[in-house]
Amino acid sequence: MPDRLEQFREFIRERGLKSTRQRDEIARWFFASDGHLSADQIYRQVKAASPGIGFSTVYRTMKLLCEAGLVHERHFGDGEALYENVSSHHDHCICNECGKIIEFENEQIEKLQEAVAKRFDFELQSHRMELYGLCSDCRKRGE
């Protein structure tokens, strides 16, 4: 199976677009990153290593990575798009105070969702679960 950068390059070629050094640098950096990052955070990190890269190039490249199915764009309630690498399925806990995002997997929840879908004769194709509240750090600060 080709690596993710090669998959991205192939996607670019299939769309009739040019595979550029800047797109490769952005994709390579993002594939090595972890967590949920905004376009601005990605831009600042990539620009530090490659000063010639502009924000619009980062933004367009992230959109292409999403279209290629290699990156997910998430919106966690504050209106700002955050990007994460596609990985195994997981859900999120999001702190309403500081914005901290905790990824988790829970087999019981997955089975319950499948049971609910079956009960309603619903063919489940995908789902997204986001839990909003206060993280332990913010709760401690509020005491």
C-alpha atoms as a PDB file:
ATOM      1  CA  MET A   1       0.000   0.000   0.000  1.00  0.00           C
ATOM      2  CA  PRO A   2       1.451   3.390  -0.910  1.00  0.00           C
ATOM      3  CA  ASP A   3       2.367   5.745   1.901  1.00  0.00           C
ATOM      4  CA  ARG A   4       0.094   8.684   2.661  1.00  0.00           C
ATOM      5  CA  LEU A   5       2.219  11.232   0.794  1.00  0.00           C
ATOM      6  CA  GLU A   6       2.160   9.031  -2.320  1.00  0.00           C
ATOM      7  CA  GLN A   7      -1.610   8.621  -1.953  1.00  0.00           C
ATOM      8  CA  PHE A   8      -1.929  12.406  -1.817  1.00  0.00           C
ATOM      9  CA  ARG A   9       0.292  12.884  -4.865  1.00  0.00           C
ATOM     10  CA  GLU A  10      -1.781  10.333  -6.791  1.00  0.00           C
ATOM     11  CA  PHE A  11      -4.991  12.112  -5.767  1.00  0.00           C
ATOM     12  CA  ILE A  12      -3.514  15.417  -7.016  1.00  0.00           C
ATOM     13  CA  ARG A  13      -2.542  13.850 -10.358  1.00  0.00           C
ATOM     14  CA  GLU A  14      -5.988  12.284 -10.801  1.00  0.00           C
ATOM     15  CA  ARG A  15      -7.561  15.710 -10.314  1.00  0.00           C
ATOM     16  CA  GLY A  16      -5.309  17.219 -12.966  1.00  0.00           C
ATOM     17  CA  LEU A  17      -3.497  19.421 -10.445  1.00  0.00           C
ATOM     18  CA  LYS A  18       0.218  19.939  -9.993  1.00  0.00           C
ATOM     19  CA  SER A  19       2.117  18.188  -7.239  1.00  0.00           C
ATOM     20  CA  THR A  20       4.184  21.021  -5.779  1.00  0.00           C
ATOM     21  CA  ARG A  21       7.002  21.156  -3.260  1.00  0.00           C
ATOM     22  CA  GLN A  22       4.865  23.367  -1.011  1.00  0.00           C
ATOM     23  CA  ARG A  23       1.927  20.942  -1.005  1.00  0.00           C
ATOM     24  CA  ASP A  24       4.311  18.080  -0.268  1.00  0.00           C
ATOM     25  CA  GLU A  25       5.894  20.003   2.635  1.00  0.00           C
ATOM     26  CA  ILE A  26       2.506  20.809   4.166  1.00  0.00           C
ATOM     27  CA  ALA A  27       1.248  17.234   3.772  1.00  0.00           C
ATOM     28  CA  ARG A  28       4.488  15.713   5.079  1.00  0.00           C
ATOM     29  CA  TRP A  29       4.456  17.995   8.134  1.00  0.00           C
ATOM     30  CA  PHE A  30       0.786  17.326   8.864  1.00  0.00           C
ATOM     31  CA  PHE A  31       1.098  13.548   8.501  1.00  0.00           C
ATOM     32  CA  ALA A  32       3.836  13.663  11.165  1.00  0.00           C
ATOM     33  CA  SER A  33       1.720  15.817  13.505  1.00  0.00           C
ATOM     34  CA  ASP A  34      -0.608  14.697  16.234  1.00  0.00           C
ATOM     35  CA  GLY A  35      -3.839  16.096  17.573  1.00  0.00           C
ATOM     36  CA  HIS A  36      -6.370  18.552  16.222  1.00  0.00           C
ATOM     37  CA  LEU A  37      -4.904  21.626  14.547  1.00  0.00           C
ATOM     38  CA  SER A  38      -6.391  24.724  12.947  1.00  0.00           C
ATOM     39  CA  ALA A  39      -5.230  25.984   9.557  1.00  0.00           C
ATOM     40  CA  ASP A  40      -3.551  28.890  11.363  1.00  0.00           C
ATOM     41  CA  GLN A  41      -1.633  26.560  13.696  1.00  0.00           C
ATOM     42  CA  ILE A  42      -0.517  24.462  10.732  1.00  0.00           C
ATOM     43  CA  TYR A  43       0.468  27.598   8.815  1.00  0.00           C
ATOM     44  CA  ARG A  44       2.614  28.932  11.682  1.00  0.00           C
ATOM     45  CA  GLN A  45       4.417  25.596  12.101  1.00  0.00           C
ATOM     46  CA  VAL A  46       5.032  25.030   8.387  1.00  0.00           C
ATOM     47  CA  LYS A  47       6.031  28.669   7.789  1.00  0.00           C
ATOM     48  CA  ALA A  48       8.717  28.396  10.486  1.00  0.00           C
ATOM     49  CA  ALA A  49      10.440  25.719   8.384  1.00  0.00           C
ATOM     50  CA  SER A  50       9.457  27.099   4.954  1.00  0.00           C
ATOM     51  CA  PRO A  51       8.980  30.888   5.073  1.00  0.00           C
ATOM     52  CA  GLY A  52       7.762  31.069   1.450  1.00  0.00           C
ATOM     53  CA  ILE A  53       4.534  29.173   2.146  1.00  0.00           C
ATOM     54  CA  GLY A  54       1.400  31.316   2.397  1.00  0.00           C
ATOM     55  CA  PHE A  55      -1.728  30.791   4.477  1.00  0.00           C
ATOM     56  CA  SER A  56      -3.939  30.262   1.417  1.00  0.00           C
ATOM     57  CA  THR A  57      -1.645  27.448   0.227  1.00  0.00           C
ATOM     58  CA  VAL A  58      -1.939  25.761   3.626  1.00  0.00           C
ATOM     59  CA  TYR A  59      -5.722  26.192   3.650  1.00  0.00           C
ATOM     60  CA  ARG A  60      -6.181  24.835   0.110  1.00  0.00           C
ATOM     61  CA  THR A  61      -3.818  21.933   0.772  1.00  0.00           C
ATOM     62  CA  MET A  62      -5.736  20.950   3.905  1.00  0.00           C
ATOM     63  CA  LYS A  63      -8.975  20.987   1.902  1.00  0.00           C
ATOM     64  CA  LEU A  64      -7.362  18.730  -0.721  1.00  0.00           C
ATOM     65  CA  LEU A  65      -6.124  16.352   1.984  1.00  0.00           C
ATOM     66  CA  CYS A  66      -9.704  16.143   3.275  1.00  0.00           C
ATOM     67  CA  GLU A  67     -11.069  15.497  -0.218  1.00  0.00           C
ATOM     68  CA  ALA A  68      -8.447  12.766  -0.632  1.00  0.00           C
ATOM     69  CA  GLY A  69      -9.780  11.078   2.514  1.00  0.00           C
ATOM     70  CA  LEU A  70      -6.451  11.387   4.332  1.00  0.00           C
ATOM     71  CA  VAL A  71      -7.485  14.081   6.827  1.00  0.00           C
ATOM     72  CA  HIS A  72     -10.716  14.821   8.700  1.00  0.00           C
ATOM     73  CA  GLU A  73     -12.026  18.347   9.156  1.00  0.00           C
ATOM     74  CA  ARG A  74     -13.812  18.683  12.497  1.00  0.00           C
ATOM     75  CA  HIS A  75     -15.935  21.448  13.986  1.00  0.00           C
ATOM     76  CA  PHE A  76     -16.229  21.226  17.759  1.00  0.00           C
ATOM     77  CA  GLY A  77     -18.691  24.011  18.487  1.00  0.00           C
ATOM     78  CA  ASP A  78     -16.522  27.132  18.361  1.00  0.00           C
ATOM     79  CA  GLY A  79     -16.801  27.529  14.592  1.00  0.00           C
ATOM     80  CA  GLU A  80     -13.114  26.970  13.868  1.00  0.00           C
ATOM     81  CA  ALA A  81     -12.208  24.032  11.643  1.00  0.00           C
ATOM     82  CA  LEU A  82      -9.671  21.661  13.161  1.00  0.00           C
ATOM     83  CA  TYR A  83      -7.858  19.016  11.158  1.00  0.00           C
ATOM     84  CA  GLU A  84      -6.822  15.548  12.288  1.00  0.00           C
ATOM     85  CA  ASN A  85      -5.111  12.662  10.556  1.00  0.00           C
ATOM     86  CA  VAL A  86      -7.439   9.859   9.530  1.00  0.00           C
ATOM     87  CA  SER A  87      -6.906   6.958  11.884  1.00  0.00           C
ATOM     88  CA  SER A  88      -8.988   4.258  13.473  1.00  0.00           C
ATOM     89  CA  HIS A  89     -12.459   5.298  14.553  1.00  0.00           C
ATOM     90  CA  HIS A  90     -12.604   7.248  17.795  1.00  0.00           C
ATOM     91  CA  ASP A  91     -14.874   9.695  19.580  1.00  0.00           C
ATOM     92  CA  HIS A  92     -14.141  12.983  21.331  1.00  0.00           C
ATOM     93  CA  CYS A  93     -14.591  14.726  24.677  1.00  0.00           C
ATOM     94  CA  ILE A  94     -14.309  18.513  24.230  1.00  0.00           C
ATOM     95  CA  CYS A  95     -13.806  20.962  27.087  1.00  0.00           C
ATOM     96  CA  ASN A  96     -16.148  23.957  26.813  1.00  0.00           C
ATOM     97  CA  GLU A  97     -13.730  26.106  28.836  1.00  0.00           C
ATOM     98  CA  CYS A  98     -10.225  25.541  27.428  1.00  0.00           C
ATOM     99  CA  GLY A  99     -11.000  23.643  24.208  1.00  0.00           C
ATOM    100  CA  LYS A 100      -8.988  20.564  25.180  1.00  0.00           C
ATOM    101  CA  ILE A 101      -9.893  17.558  23.022  1.00  0.00           C
ATOM    102  CA  ILE A 102      -9.617  14.031  24.362  1.00  0.00           C
ATOM    103  CA  GLU A 103      -9.911  11.129  21.931  1.00  0.00           C
ATOM    104  CA  PHE A 104     -11.325   7.857  23.188  1.00  0.00           C
ATOM    105  CA  GLU A 105     -12.542   4.478  22.005  1.00  0.00           C
ATOM    106  CA  ASN A 106     -15.219   2.467  23.782  1.00  0.00           C
ATOM    107  CA  GLU A 107     -16.413  -0.877  22.475  1.00  0.00           C
ATOM    108  CA  GLN A 108     -19.580  -0.794  24.616  1.00  0.00           C
ATOM    109  CA  ILE A 109     -20.663   2.493  23.030  1.00  0.00           C
ATOM    110  CA  GLU A 110     -19.992   1.112  19.559  1.00  0.00           C
ATOM    111  CA  LYS A 111     -22.090  -1.988  20.271  1.00  0.00           C
ATOM    112  CA  LEU A 112     -24.909   0.113  21.717  1.00  0.00           C
ATOM    113  CA  GLN A 113     -24.976   2.309  18.605  1.00  0.00           C
ATOM    114  CA  GLU A 114     -25.144  -0.788  16.403  1.00  0.00           C
ATOM    115  CA  ALA A 115     -28.011  -2.139  18.525  1.00  0.00           C
ATOM    116  CA  VAL A 116     -29.928   1.143  18.219  1.00  0.00           C
ATOM    117  CA  ALA A 117     -29.469   1.137  14.447  1.00  0.00           C
ATOM    118  CA  LYS A 118     -30.628  -2.478  14.247  1.00  0.00           C
ATOM    119  CA  ARG A 119     -33.672  -1.738  16.419  1.00  0.00           C
ATOM    120  CA  PHE A 120     -34.812   0.900  13.939  1.00  0.00           C
ATOM    121  CA  ASP A 121     -33.831  -1.196  10.901  1.00  0.00           C
ATOM    122  CA  PHE A 122     -31.278   1.464  10.055  1.00  0.00           C
ATOM    123  CA  GLU A 123     -28.158   0.673   8.052  1.00  0.00           C
ATOM    124  CA  LEU A 124     -25.426   2.458   9.983  1.00  0.00           C
ATOM    125  CA  GLN A 125     -22.675   3.731   7.677  1.00  0.00           C
ATOM    126  CA  SER A 126     -20.797   6.059   9.977  1.00  0.00           C
ATOM    127  CA  HIS A 127     -21.244   8.153  13.056  1.00  0.00           C
ATOM    128  CA  ARG A 128     -19.568  10.862  15.065  1.00  0.00           C
ATOM    129  CA  MET A 129     -19.845  11.303  18.815  1.00  0.00           C
ATOM    130  CA  GLU A 130     -18.734  14.429  20.636  1.00  0.00           C
ATOM    131  CA  LEU A 131     -19.172  14.903  24.378  1.00  0.00           C
ATOM    132  CA  TYR A 132     -19.003  18.490  25.677  1.00  0.00           C
ATOM    133  CA  GLY A 133     -18.244  19.466  29.262  1.00  0.00           C
ATOM    134  CA  LEU A 134     -15.377  20.535  31.519  1.00  0.00           C
ATOM    135  CA  CYS A 135     -12.016  18.783  31.696  1.00  0.00           C
ATOM    136  CA  SER A 136     -10.518  17.975  35.093  1.00  0.00           C
ATOM    137  CA  ASP A 137      -8.077  20.918  34.928  1.00  0.00           C
ATOM    138  CA  CYS A 138     -10.857  23.442  34.302  1.00  0.00           C
ATOM    139  CA  ARG A 139     -13.034  21.916  37.029  1.00  0.00           C
ATOM    140  CA  LYS A 140     -10.131  22.246  39.494  1.00  0.00           C
ATOM    141  CA  ARG A 141      -9.589  25.901  38.531  1.00  0.00           C
ATOM    142  CA  GLY A 142     -13.284  26.587  39.097  1.00  0.00           C
ATOM    143  CA  GLU A 143     -13.370  25.164  42.624  1.00  0.00           C
END
